[in-house]
């Protein structure tokens, strides 16, 4: 089963989408994103993984998601079912999505 891999040699693209949400709505956003991932996103071609991170400040949520390619990610963006879930998320929070490639990894 595919899993999150942080490796400079992997030929994947990583979406880091940082959401800013009003205090008190963080859990609502996380639940919405988790539901969208389970119901729709993980079934899209090229999906590898998604990881939701909650900010200790109560106003941020980060989605760290990996896709086989930028083309797979763009195809997901064009899917009406995915658009519906993304619109629901952006109705709750401001999103700042950016695609990345791993450049280097450092360990102890």
N, C-alpha and C. Protein backbone atom coordinates (compact mmCIF):
# COMPACT_ATOMS: atom_id res chain seq x y z
N UNK A 1 0.85 -1.17 0.00
CA UNK A 1 0.00 0.00 0.00
C UNK A 1 0.90 1.24 0.00
N UNK A 2 0.61 2.22 -0.85
CA UNK A 2 1.41 3.45 -0.87
C UNK A 2 1.31 4.20 0.46
N UNK A 3 2.38 4.86 0.80
CA UNK A 3 2.38 5.68 2.01
C UNK A 3 3.20 6.93 1.75
N UNK A 4 3.15 7.85 2.68
CA UNK A 4 3.90 9.09 2.55
C UNK A 4 5.39 8.76 2.53
N UNK A 5 6.08 9.31 1.55
CA UNK A 5 7.51 9.11 1.44
C UNK A 5 8.17 10.47 1.24
N UNK A 6 9.09 10.81 2.10
CA UNK A 6 9.83 12.06 1.94
C UNK A 6 11.24 11.66 1.53
N UNK A 7 11.47 11.76 0.23
CA UNK A 7 12.70 11.26 -0.37
C UNK A 7 13.03 12.12 -1.58
N UNK A 8 14.22 12.67 -1.62
CA UNK A 8 14.61 13.54 -2.73
C UNK A 8 14.67 12.79 -4.06
N UNK A 9 14.81 11.46 -4.01
CA UNK A 9 14.88 10.67 -5.24
C UNK A 9 13.51 10.23 -5.75
N UNK A 10 12.48 10.39 -4.93
CA UNK A 10 11.13 9.99 -5.34
C UNK A 10 10.63 10.95 -6.41
N UNK A 11 9.97 10.42 -7.38
CA UNK A 11 9.42 11.25 -8.47
C UNK A 11 7.94 11.53 -8.18
N UNK A 12 7.72 12.24 -7.10
CA UNK A 12 6.37 12.60 -6.69
C UNK A 12 6.27 14.11 -6.60
N UNK A 13 5.06 14.61 -6.53
CA UNK A 13 4.85 16.01 -6.20
C UNK A 13 4.12 16.06 -4.87
N UNK A 14 4.42 17.08 -4.11
CA UNK A 14 3.82 17.24 -2.79
C UNK A 14 3.04 18.53 -2.76
N UNK A 15 1.79 18.42 -2.37
CA UNK A 15 0.96 19.58 -2.12
C UNK A 15 1.09 19.93 -0.65
N UNK A 16 1.49 21.15 -0.36
CA UNK A 16 1.42 21.67 1.00
C UNK A 16 0.41 22.81 0.95
N UNK A 17 -0.73 22.56 1.56
CA UNK A 17 -1.82 23.52 1.55
C UNK A 17 -2.05 23.97 2.98
N UNK A 18 -1.73 25.22 3.26
CA UNK A 18 -1.90 25.76 4.60
C UNK A 18 -3.21 26.56 4.63
N UNK A 19 -4.09 26.14 5.52
CA UNK A 19 -5.38 26.80 5.70
C UNK A 19 -5.32 27.67 6.94
N UNK A 20 -5.90 28.84 6.86
CA UNK A 20 -6.07 29.71 8.02
C UNK A 20 -7.56 29.76 8.31
N UNK A 21 -7.91 29.45 9.54
CA UNK A 21 -9.31 29.31 9.92
C UNK A 21 -9.57 30.14 11.18
N UNK A 22 -10.80 30.58 11.34
CA UNK A 22 -11.17 31.34 12.53
C UNK A 22 -11.04 30.45 13.77
N UNK A 23 -10.64 31.04 14.89
CA UNK A 23 -10.58 30.27 16.13
C UNK A 23 -11.92 29.58 16.40
N UNK A 24 -11.87 28.34 16.82
CA UNK A 24 -13.09 27.59 17.09
C UNK A 24 -13.60 26.80 15.90
N UNK A 25 -13.03 26.99 14.70
CA UNK A 25 -13.50 26.26 13.52
C UNK A 25 -12.46 25.28 12.98
N UNK A 26 -11.34 25.16 13.70
CA UNK A 26 -10.27 24.27 13.24
C UNK A 26 -10.77 22.83 13.10
N UNK A 27 -11.44 22.31 14.12
CA UNK A 27 -11.93 20.92 14.09
C UNK A 27 -12.92 20.72 12.96
N UNK A 28 -13.78 21.69 12.73
CA UNK A 28 -14.74 21.62 11.62
C UNK A 28 -14.00 21.44 10.29
N UNK A 29 -12.95 22.24 10.09
CA UNK A 29 -12.18 22.15 8.86
C UNK A 29 -11.47 20.81 8.74
N UNK A 30 -10.84 20.36 9.81
CA UNK A 30 -10.14 19.07 9.77
C UNK A 30 -11.11 17.94 9.44
N UNK A 31 -12.27 17.95 10.06
CA UNK A 31 -13.27 16.91 9.78
C UNK A 31 -13.72 16.97 8.32
N UNK A 32 -13.93 18.17 7.81
CA UNK A 32 -14.33 18.34 6.42
C UNK A 32 -13.24 17.80 5.47
N UNK A 33 -11.98 18.15 5.74
CA UNK A 33 -10.87 17.69 4.89
C UNK A 33 -10.69 16.18 4.98
N UNK A 34 -10.81 15.63 6.17
CA UNK A 34 -10.67 14.18 6.34
C UNK A 34 -11.78 13.45 5.58
N UNK A 35 -12.99 13.94 5.67
CA UNK A 35 -14.12 13.33 4.97
C UNK A 35 -13.91 13.42 3.46
N UNK A 36 -13.48 14.58 2.97
CA UNK A 36 -13.24 14.74 1.52
C UNK A 36 -12.15 13.79 1.05
N UNK A 37 -11.12 13.62 1.86
CA UNK A 37 -10.03 12.72 1.48
C UNK A 37 -10.52 11.29 1.42
N UNK A 38 -11.25 10.86 2.44
CA UNK A 38 -11.75 9.47 2.47
C UNK A 38 -12.77 9.20 1.37
N UNK A 39 -13.68 10.13 1.15
CA UNK A 39 -14.78 9.89 0.21
C UNK A 39 -14.38 10.10 -1.24
N UNK A 40 -13.47 11.05 -1.52
CA UNK A 40 -13.22 11.42 -2.92
C UNK A 40 -11.74 11.41 -3.29
N UNK A 41 -10.93 12.17 -2.58
CA UNK A 41 -9.55 12.42 -3.02
C UNK A 41 -8.73 11.15 -3.15
N UNK A 42 -8.81 10.25 -2.18
CA UNK A 42 -7.95 9.06 -2.20
C UNK A 42 -8.32 8.10 -3.33
N UNK A 43 -9.45 8.31 -3.95
CA UNK A 43 -9.89 7.46 -5.05
C UNK A 43 -9.48 8.02 -6.41
N UNK A 44 -8.83 9.18 -6.43
CA UNK A 44 -8.43 9.81 -7.68
C UNK A 44 -7.14 9.17 -8.20
N UNK A 45 -7.04 9.03 -9.52
CA UNK A 45 -5.80 8.48 -10.09
C UNK A 45 -4.60 9.33 -9.68
N UNK A 46 -3.53 8.66 -9.29
CA UNK A 46 -2.30 9.35 -8.94
C UNK A 46 -2.19 9.76 -7.48
N UNK A 47 -3.26 9.60 -6.70
CA UNK A 47 -3.20 9.94 -5.28
C UNK A 47 -2.29 8.97 -4.56
N UNK A 48 -1.40 9.49 -3.71
CA UNK A 48 -0.51 8.66 -2.91
C UNK A 48 -0.92 8.71 -1.43
N UNK A 49 -0.99 9.92 -0.88
CA UNK A 49 -1.29 10.04 0.55
C UNK A 49 -1.71 11.46 0.87
N UNK A 50 -2.35 11.61 2.03
CA UNK A 50 -2.68 12.93 2.57
C UNK A 50 -2.52 12.86 4.08
N UNK A 51 -1.95 13.92 4.62
CA UNK A 51 -1.70 14.01 6.06
C UNK A 51 -2.17 15.37 6.53
N UNK A 52 -3.05 15.38 7.52
CA UNK A 52 -3.57 16.63 8.04
C UNK A 52 -2.87 16.97 9.34
N UNK A 53 -2.41 18.20 9.44
CA UNK A 53 -1.70 18.68 10.63
C UNK A 53 -2.48 19.85 11.20
N UNK A 54 -2.69 19.86 12.51
CA UNK A 54 -3.38 20.97 13.16
C UNK A 54 -2.37 21.85 13.88
N UNK A 55 -2.51 23.16 13.67
CA UNK A 55 -1.63 24.11 14.34
C UNK A 55 -1.99 24.22 15.81
N UNK A 56 -0.99 24.32 16.63
CA UNK A 56 -1.23 24.47 18.07
C UNK A 56 -1.92 25.79 18.40
N UNK A 57 -1.89 26.73 17.44
CA UNK A 57 -2.53 28.03 17.67
C UNK A 57 -4.04 27.99 17.48
N UNK A 58 -4.56 26.87 16.97
CA UNK A 58 -6.00 26.73 16.77
C UNK A 58 -6.54 27.41 15.53
N UNK A 59 -5.68 28.05 14.74
CA UNK A 59 -6.15 28.77 13.56
C UNK A 59 -5.51 28.29 12.26
N UNK A 60 -4.73 27.23 12.32
CA UNK A 60 -4.08 26.72 11.10
C UNK A 60 -4.27 25.21 10.96
N UNK A 61 -4.41 24.78 9.71
CA UNK A 61 -4.43 23.37 9.36
C UNK A 61 -3.56 23.25 8.11
N UNK A 62 -2.68 22.27 8.11
CA UNK A 62 -1.84 22.03 6.94
C UNK A 62 -2.18 20.65 6.37
N UNK A 63 -2.35 20.61 5.07
CA UNK A 63 -2.55 19.35 4.36
C UNK A 63 -1.27 19.07 3.59
N UNK A 64 -0.61 17.97 3.91
CA UNK A 64 0.60 17.54 3.22
C UNK A 64 0.18 16.32 2.42
N UNK A 65 0.00 16.49 1.11
CA UNK A 65 -0.51 15.41 0.26
C UNK A 65 0.46 15.13 -0.88
N UNK A 66 0.56 13.87 -1.23
CA UNK A 66 1.47 13.49 -2.32
C UNK A 66 0.69 12.88 -3.48
N UNK A 67 1.16 13.23 -4.68
CA UNK A 67 0.56 12.76 -5.92
C UNK A 67 1.66 12.21 -6.81
N UNK A 68 1.31 11.28 -7.67
CA UNK A 68 2.29 10.69 -8.58
C UNK A 68 2.91 11.73 -9.50
N UNK A 69 2.13 12.73 -9.88
CA UNK A 69 2.64 13.76 -10.79
C UNK A 69 1.78 15.02 -10.69
N UNK A 70 2.32 16.11 -11.22
CA UNK A 70 1.55 17.36 -11.28
C UNK A 70 0.33 17.18 -12.17
N UNK A 71 0.45 16.36 -13.21
CA UNK A 71 -0.68 16.11 -14.10
C UNK A 71 -1.82 15.43 -13.35
N UNK A 72 -1.49 14.46 -12.51
CA UNK A 72 -2.53 13.81 -11.70
C UNK A 72 -3.19 14.82 -10.76
N UNK A 73 -2.39 15.67 -10.17
CA UNK A 73 -2.94 16.70 -9.28
C UNK A 73 -3.87 17.63 -10.04
N UNK A 74 -3.46 18.09 -11.22
CA UNK A 74 -4.31 18.99 -12.03
C UNK A 74 -5.60 18.30 -12.46
N UNK A 75 -5.53 17.01 -12.77
CA UNK A 75 -6.73 16.27 -13.15
C UNK A 75 -7.71 16.22 -11.97
N UNK A 76 -7.19 16.05 -10.76
CA UNK A 76 -8.04 16.07 -9.57
C UNK A 76 -8.73 17.42 -9.45
N UNK A 77 -7.97 18.51 -9.68
CA UNK A 77 -8.55 19.84 -9.57
C UNK A 77 -9.72 20.06 -10.53
N UNK A 78 -9.69 19.38 -11.67
CA UNK A 78 -10.73 19.53 -12.68
C UNK A 78 -11.97 18.66 -12.40
N UNK A 79 -11.87 17.75 -11.45
CA UNK A 79 -12.96 16.84 -11.14
C UNK A 79 -14.05 17.58 -10.36
N UNK A 80 -15.29 17.59 -10.85
CA UNK A 80 -16.37 18.32 -10.16
C UNK A 80 -16.59 17.87 -8.71
N UNK A 81 -16.46 16.58 -8.42
CA UNK A 81 -16.64 16.11 -7.04
C UNK A 81 -15.55 16.68 -6.14
N UNK A 82 -14.33 16.75 -6.63
CA UNK A 82 -13.23 17.33 -5.86
C UNK A 82 -13.44 18.83 -5.68
N UNK A 83 -13.91 19.50 -6.73
CA UNK A 83 -14.16 20.94 -6.65
C UNK A 83 -15.19 21.25 -5.58
N UNK A 84 -16.20 20.40 -5.47
CA UNK A 84 -17.25 20.60 -4.47
C UNK A 84 -16.66 20.56 -3.05
N UNK A 85 -15.79 19.59 -2.79
CA UNK A 85 -15.17 19.48 -1.47
C UNK A 85 -14.21 20.64 -1.21
N UNK A 86 -13.47 21.06 -2.23
CA UNK A 86 -12.55 22.18 -2.05
C UNK A 86 -13.31 23.48 -1.79
N UNK A 87 -14.44 23.65 -2.44
CA UNK A 87 -15.26 24.84 -2.20
C UNK A 87 -15.79 24.86 -0.77
N UNK A 88 -16.15 23.70 -0.25
CA UNK A 88 -16.61 23.63 1.14
C UNK A 88 -15.49 24.01 2.10
N UNK A 89 -14.27 23.58 1.80
CA UNK A 89 -13.13 23.91 2.67
C UNK A 89 -12.82 25.40 2.62
N UNK A 90 -12.86 25.98 1.43
CA UNK A 90 -12.53 27.40 1.31
C UNK A 90 -13.67 28.30 1.79
N UNK A 91 -14.84 27.72 2.03
CA UNK A 91 -15.92 28.48 2.66
C UNK A 91 -15.67 28.62 4.15
N UNK A 92 -14.86 27.73 4.70
CA UNK A 92 -14.55 27.73 6.13
C UNK A 92 -13.23 28.44 6.42
N UNK A 93 -12.28 28.36 5.47
CA UNK A 93 -10.93 28.85 5.72
C UNK A 93 -10.28 29.39 4.45
N UNK A 94 -9.25 30.20 4.65
CA UNK A 94 -8.44 30.68 3.52
C UNK A 94 -7.35 29.64 3.26
N UNK A 95 -7.19 29.25 1.99
CA UNK A 95 -6.23 28.22 1.61
C UNK A 95 -5.07 28.82 0.84
N UNK A 96 -3.88 28.24 1.05
CA UNK A 96 -2.68 28.65 0.33
C UNK A 96 -1.97 27.40 -0.21
N UNK A 97 -2.51 26.80 -1.30
CA UNK A 97 -1.93 25.57 -1.84
C UNK A 97 -0.72 25.84 -2.75
N UNK A 98 0.33 25.04 -2.57
CA UNK A 98 1.52 25.12 -3.42
C UNK A 98 2.02 23.71 -3.65
N UNK A 99 2.41 23.39 -4.90
CA UNK A 99 3.04 22.10 -5.21
C UNK A 99 4.54 22.21 -5.02
N UNK A 100 5.13 21.17 -4.44
CA UNK A 100 6.57 21.13 -4.17
C UNK A 100 7.16 19.82 -4.64
N UNK A 101 8.49 19.82 -4.80
CA UNK A 101 9.30 18.62 -4.95
C UNK A 101 10.29 18.60 -3.81
N UNK A 102 10.60 17.42 -3.30
CA UNK A 102 11.58 17.31 -2.21
C UNK A 102 12.96 17.57 -2.79
N UNK A 103 13.68 18.49 -2.19
CA UNK A 103 15.02 18.83 -2.63
C UNK A 103 16.09 18.12 -1.81
N UNK A 104 15.90 18.05 -0.52
CA UNK A 104 16.85 17.34 0.33
C UNK A 104 16.16 16.89 1.61
N UNK A 105 16.69 15.83 2.21
CA UNK A 105 16.16 15.27 3.43
C UNK A 105 17.33 15.10 4.40
N UNK A 106 17.14 15.45 5.65
CA UNK A 106 18.20 15.38 6.65
C UNK A 106 17.71 14.64 7.88
N UNK A 107 18.51 13.74 8.40
CA UNK A 107 18.17 12.96 9.59
C UNK A 107 19.32 13.00 10.59
N UNK A 108 19.04 12.58 11.79
CA UNK A 108 20.09 12.46 12.81
C UNK A 108 20.99 11.30 12.41
